[in-house]
Amino acid sequence: TVLEINELVKADSRYGRIICRCEKITEGEIVEAIHAPVPATTVDAVKRRVRAGMGRCQGGFCAPRVMEILARELNIPVTEVKKGGKNSFIAIGKIKED
């Protein structure tokens, strides 16, 4: 319900930040999947767990944001974030520094 969603956002503002617009997936849902007992540690695992990237754009808009969240939460460089399994790296470096 709307009341439950409002309470969740009050408790953790990340549940109020939409990352995947197509599927309406929040940062909080992604972080929760990453830190679950069986963690989602790749872009594909997050996609299967919470549907981020399964919408109309197929991750065209949200995949970079999902990668940033994975890197932050796993405390690894974004170049170490994997698409699926072993050695399925997505990025090899940054075009420019922040």
N, C-alpha and C. Protein backbone atom coordinates (compact mmCIF):
# COMPACT_ATOMS: atom_id res chain seq x y z
N THR A 1 0.83 -1.19 0.00
CA THR A 1 0.00 0.00 0.00
C THR A 1 0.88 1.25 0.00
N VAL A 2 0.27 2.38 -0.27
CA VAL A 2 0.99 3.65 -0.29
C VAL A 2 1.53 3.97 1.09
N LEU A 3 0.78 3.66 2.13
CA LEU A 3 1.22 3.92 3.50
C LEU A 3 2.48 3.11 3.83
N GLU A 4 2.51 1.85 3.43
CA GLU A 4 3.69 1.00 3.66
C GLU A 4 4.91 1.53 2.91
N ILE A 5 4.69 1.96 1.68
CA ILE A 5 5.80 2.52 0.89
C ILE A 5 6.33 3.78 1.55
N ASN A 6 5.43 4.65 2.01
CA ASN A 6 5.86 5.88 2.68
C ASN A 6 6.66 5.59 3.94
N GLU A 7 6.27 4.59 4.70
CA GLU A 7 7.00 4.21 5.91
C GLU A 7 8.39 3.67 5.55
N LEU A 8 8.46 2.88 4.50
CA LEU A 8 9.73 2.33 4.04
C LEU A 8 10.68 3.44 3.61
N VAL A 9 10.17 4.43 2.89
CA VAL A 9 10.99 5.56 2.44
C VAL A 9 11.45 6.39 3.63
N LYS A 10 10.59 6.55 4.63
CA LYS A 10 10.99 7.28 5.85
C LYS A 10 12.13 6.57 6.56
N ALA A 11 12.07 5.25 6.59
CA ALA A 11 13.10 4.46 7.27
C ALA A 11 14.41 4.44 6.49
N ASP A 12 14.34 4.42 5.15
CA ASP A 12 15.54 4.37 4.30
C ASP A 12 15.22 5.10 2.99
N SER A 13 15.81 6.27 2.82
CA SER A 13 15.50 7.12 1.66
C SER A 13 15.87 6.47 0.33
N ARG A 14 16.72 5.45 0.34
CA ARG A 14 17.09 4.78 -0.91
C ARG A 14 15.88 4.11 -1.57
N TYR A 15 14.86 3.77 -0.77
CA TYR A 15 13.64 3.19 -1.33
C TYR A 15 12.80 4.23 -2.07
N GLY A 16 13.18 5.49 -1.98
CA GLY A 16 12.49 6.55 -2.70
C GLY A 16 13.19 6.95 -3.98
N ARG A 17 14.36 6.39 -4.26
CA ARG A 17 15.14 6.72 -5.46
C ARG A 17 14.94 5.65 -6.52
N ILE A 18 14.25 6.00 -7.59
CA ILE A 18 14.02 5.06 -8.69
C ILE A 18 15.29 4.95 -9.53
N ILE A 19 15.78 3.74 -9.71
CA ILE A 19 16.96 3.48 -10.54
C ILE A 19 16.51 2.98 -11.91
N CYS A 20 15.61 2.03 -11.94
CA CYS A 20 15.08 1.48 -13.19
C CYS A 20 13.68 2.06 -13.40
N ARG A 21 13.59 3.01 -14.33
CA ARG A 21 12.30 3.67 -14.57
C ARG A 21 11.29 2.75 -15.23
N CYS A 22 11.75 1.86 -16.08
CA CYS A 22 10.83 0.97 -16.79
C CYS A 22 10.09 0.04 -15.82
N GLU A 23 10.83 -0.52 -14.87
CA GLU A 23 10.27 -1.50 -13.94
C GLU A 23 9.99 -0.90 -12.56
N LYS A 24 10.30 0.39 -12.39
CA LYS A 24 10.08 1.11 -11.12
C LYS A 24 10.81 0.44 -9.95
N ILE A 25 12.09 0.14 -10.16
CA ILE A 25 12.92 -0.50 -9.14
C ILE A 25 13.73 0.57 -8.43
N THR A 26 13.74 0.53 -7.11
CA THR A 26 14.44 1.54 -6.32
C THR A 26 15.85 1.10 -5.95
N GLU A 27 16.65 2.10 -5.56
CA GLU A 27 18.00 1.81 -5.08
C GLU A 27 17.94 0.90 -3.86
N GLY A 28 16.96 1.12 -2.99
CA GLY A 28 16.81 0.30 -1.79
C GLY A 28 16.60 -1.17 -2.11
N GLU A 29 15.80 -1.44 -3.13
CA GLU A 29 15.55 -2.83 -3.53
C GLU A 29 16.82 -3.49 -4.06
N ILE A 30 17.61 -2.72 -4.81
CA ILE A 30 18.86 -3.24 -5.36
C ILE A 30 19.86 -3.52 -4.24
N VAL A 31 19.99 -2.57 -3.32
CA VAL A 31 20.92 -2.75 -2.19
C VAL A 31 20.49 -3.95 -1.34
N GLU A 32 19.20 -4.10 -1.14
CA GLU A 32 18.68 -5.24 -0.37
C GLU A 32 19.06 -6.56 -1.05
N ALA A 33 18.96 -6.62 -2.37
CA ALA A 33 19.32 -7.84 -3.12
C ALA A 33 20.82 -8.12 -3.02
N ILE A 34 21.63 -7.06 -3.03
CA ILE A 34 23.08 -7.23 -2.95
C ILE A 34 23.49 -7.78 -1.59
N HIS A 35 22.78 -7.39 -0.54
CA HIS A 35 23.13 -7.82 0.82
C HIS A 35 22.25 -8.95 1.35
N ALA A 36 21.51 -9.60 0.47
CA ALA A 36 20.66 -10.72 0.88
C ALA A 36 21.53 -11.91 1.30
N PRO A 37 20.95 -12.89 2.02
CA PRO A 37 21.72 -14.07 2.42
C PRO A 37 22.40 -14.77 1.23
N VAL A 38 21.72 -14.81 0.10
CA VAL A 38 22.34 -15.26 -1.15
C VAL A 38 22.45 -13.99 -1.99
N PRO A 39 23.64 -13.36 -1.98
CA PRO A 39 23.76 -12.01 -2.56
C PRO A 39 23.75 -11.98 -4.09
N ALA A 40 23.17 -10.91 -4.62
CA ALA A 40 23.21 -10.63 -6.06
C ALA A 40 24.45 -9.77 -6.28
N THR A 41 25.50 -10.35 -6.85
CA THR A 41 26.78 -9.64 -6.96
C THR A 41 27.17 -9.30 -8.39
N THR A 42 26.29 -9.56 -9.35
CA THR A 42 26.55 -9.20 -10.74
C THR A 42 25.34 -8.44 -11.28
N VAL A 43 25.52 -7.77 -12.41
CA VAL A 43 24.41 -7.04 -13.03
C VAL A 43 23.27 -8.01 -13.38
N ASP A 44 23.61 -9.17 -13.93
CA ASP A 44 22.57 -10.15 -14.27
C ASP A 44 21.86 -10.70 -13.03
N ALA A 45 22.59 -10.87 -11.94
CA ALA A 45 21.96 -11.36 -10.70
C ALA A 45 20.97 -10.34 -10.17
N VAL A 46 21.33 -9.06 -10.22
CA VAL A 46 20.40 -8.01 -9.80
C VAL A 46 19.19 -8.01 -10.73
N LYS A 47 19.44 -8.17 -12.01
CA LYS A 47 18.35 -8.20 -13.00
C LYS A 47 17.37 -9.33 -12.70
N ARG A 48 17.89 -10.52 -12.42
CA ARG A 48 17.02 -11.66 -12.10
C ARG A 48 16.30 -11.49 -10.77
N ARG A 49 16.99 -10.91 -9.79
CA ARG A 49 16.42 -10.80 -8.45
C ARG A 49 15.33 -9.73 -8.36
N VAL A 50 15.58 -8.54 -8.93
CA VAL A 50 14.62 -7.44 -8.73
C VAL A 50 14.04 -6.88 -10.03
N ARG A 51 14.47 -7.40 -11.19
CA ARG A 51 13.98 -7.00 -12.52
C ARG A 51 14.54 -5.68 -13.03
N ALA A 52 15.56 -5.13 -12.40
CA ALA A 52 16.19 -3.91 -12.93
C ALA A 52 16.88 -4.26 -14.24
N GLY A 53 16.47 -3.63 -15.33
CA GLY A 53 17.04 -3.91 -16.63
C GLY A 53 16.18 -4.82 -17.49
N MET A 54 15.01 -5.22 -17.00
CA MET A 54 14.14 -6.10 -17.78
C MET A 54 13.03 -5.35 -18.50
N GLY A 55 13.02 -4.06 -18.39
CA GLY A 55 11.95 -3.27 -19.00
C GLY A 55 12.19 -2.97 -20.46
N ARG A 56 11.46 -2.00 -20.94
CA ARG A 56 11.49 -1.63 -22.35
C ARG A 56 12.89 -1.27 -22.86
N CYS A 57 13.69 -0.58 -22.04
CA CYS A 57 15.02 -0.15 -22.49
C CYS A 57 16.08 -1.24 -22.34
N GLN A 58 15.73 -2.37 -21.71
CA GLN A 58 16.65 -3.49 -21.51
C GLN A 58 17.94 -3.09 -20.81
N GLY A 59 17.83 -2.15 -19.86
CA GLY A 59 18.99 -1.74 -19.08
C GLY A 59 19.79 -0.62 -19.70
N GLY A 60 19.34 -0.08 -20.80
CA GLY A 60 20.06 1.00 -21.47
C GLY A 60 20.26 2.22 -20.59
N PHE A 61 19.29 2.50 -19.74
CA PHE A 61 19.40 3.65 -18.84
C PHE A 61 19.85 3.27 -17.44
N CYS A 62 19.42 2.13 -16.93
CA CYS A 62 19.70 1.80 -15.53
C CYS A 62 20.96 0.97 -15.32
N ALA A 63 21.45 0.26 -16.32
CA ALA A 63 22.62 -0.60 -16.13
C ALA A 63 23.83 0.14 -15.57
N PRO A 64 24.17 1.34 -16.08
CA PRO A 64 25.31 2.05 -15.49
C PRO A 64 25.08 2.41 -14.02
N ARG A 65 23.84 2.74 -13.67
CA ARG A 65 23.54 3.06 -12.27
C ARG A 65 23.59 1.81 -11.40
N VAL A 66 23.12 0.69 -11.93
CA VAL A 66 23.20 -0.58 -11.20
C VAL A 66 24.67 -0.94 -10.97
N MET A 67 25.51 -0.72 -11.99
CA MET A 67 26.94 -0.99 -11.85
C MET A 67 27.56 -0.13 -10.76
N GLU A 68 27.19 1.15 -10.71
CA GLU A 68 27.72 2.05 -9.68
C GLU A 68 27.30 1.59 -8.28
N ILE A 69 26.05 1.16 -8.14
CA ILE A 69 25.56 0.68 -6.85
C ILE A 69 26.29 -0.59 -6.45
N LEU A 70 26.45 -1.52 -7.38
CA LEU A 70 27.20 -2.75 -7.09
C LEU A 70 28.62 -2.43 -6.65
N ALA A 71 29.29 -1.55 -7.37
CA ALA A 71 30.67 -1.18 -7.02
C ALA A 71 30.73 -0.58 -5.62
N ARG A 72 29.82 0.32 -5.34
CA ARG A 72 29.80 0.98 -4.02
C ARG A 72 29.52 -0.03 -2.91
N GLU A 73 28.51 -0.85 -3.07
CA GLU A 73 28.10 -1.77 -2.02
C GLU A 73 29.08 -2.93 -1.83
N LEU A 74 29.75 -3.34 -2.89
CA LEU A 74 30.73 -4.43 -2.80
C LEU A 74 32.14 -3.90 -2.54
N ASN A 75 32.26 -2.58 -2.50
CA ASN A 75 33.55 -1.92 -2.26
C ASN A 75 34.61 -2.36 -3.27
N ILE A 76 34.22 -2.30 -4.55
CA ILE A 76 35.14 -2.65 -5.64
C ILE A 76 35.07 -1.54 -6.69
N PRO A 77 36.10 -1.42 -7.53
CA PRO A 77 36.03 -0.45 -8.63
C PRO A 77 34.94 -0.86 -9.62
N VAL A 78 34.34 0.11 -10.29
CA VAL A 78 33.28 -0.19 -11.26
C VAL A 78 33.81 -1.08 -12.38
N THR A 79 35.10 -1.03 -12.65
CA THR A 79 35.69 -1.89 -13.69
C THR A 79 35.73 -3.36 -13.27
N GLU A 80 35.50 -3.65 -11.99
CA GLU A 80 35.49 -5.03 -11.50
C GLU A 80 34.07 -5.62 -11.44
N VAL A 81 33.06 -4.80 -11.71
CA VAL A 81 31.68 -5.27 -11.71
C VAL A 81 31.49 -6.17 -12.93
N LYS A 82 30.87 -7.33 -12.70
CA LYS A 82 30.69 -8.31 -13.77
C LYS A 82 29.25 -8.33 -14.26
N LYS A 83 29.09 -8.69 -15.53
CA LYS A 83 27.75 -8.83 -16.09
C LYS A 83 27.10 -10.10 -15.57
N GLY A 84 27.81 -11.21 -15.67
CA GLY A 84 27.26 -12.49 -15.25
C GLY A 84 28.26 -13.27 -14.44
N GLY A 85 28.93 -14.19 -15.09
CA GLY A 85 29.87 -15.05 -14.39
C GLY A 85 31.30 -14.56 -14.42
N LYS A 86 32.19 -15.51 -14.22
CA LYS A 86 33.63 -15.24 -14.16
C LYS A 86 34.12 -14.55 -15.44
N ASN A 87 34.92 -13.51 -15.26
CA ASN A 87 35.54 -12.76 -16.37
C ASN A 87 34.55 -12.12 -17.35
N SER A 88 33.33 -11.82 -16.90
CA SER A 88 32.37 -11.14 -17.78
C SER A 88 32.32 -9.65 -17.43
N PHE A 89 33.49 -9.02 -17.47
CA PHE A 89 33.59 -7.61 -17.12
C PHE A 89 32.88 -6.76 -18.16
N ILE A 90 32.25 -5.68 -17.71
CA ILE A 90 31.50 -4.80 -18.60
C ILE A 90 32.35 -3.59 -18.99
N ALA A 91 33.02 -3.00 -18.02
CA ALA A 91 33.80 -1.78 -18.25
C ALA A 91 35.29 -2.08 -18.10
N ILE A 92 36.09 -1.39 -18.89
CA ILE A 92 37.54 -1.55 -18.76
C ILE A 92 38.21 -0.31 -18.21
N GLY A 93 37.46 0.77 -18.09
CA GLY A 93 38.01 2.01 -17.53
C GLY A 93 37.02 3.14 -17.69
N LYS A 94 37.41 4.31 -17.21
CA LYS A 94 36.57 5.49 -17.31
C LYS A 94 37.08 6.38 -18.44
N ILE A 95 36.17 7.05 -19.11
CA ILE A 95 36.55 7.98 -20.15
C ILE A 95 37.12 9.25 -19.53
N LYS A 96 36.50 9.70 -18.43
CA LYS A 96 37.01 10.86 -17.71
C LYS A 96 36.79 10.66 -16.23
N GLU A 97 37.59 11.31 -15.44
CA GLU A 97 37.47 11.22 -13.99
C GLU A 97 36.31 12.07 -13.50
N ASP A 98 35.79 11.72 -12.34
CA ASP A 98 34.67 12.47 -11.73
C ASP A 98 35.10 13.85 -11.33
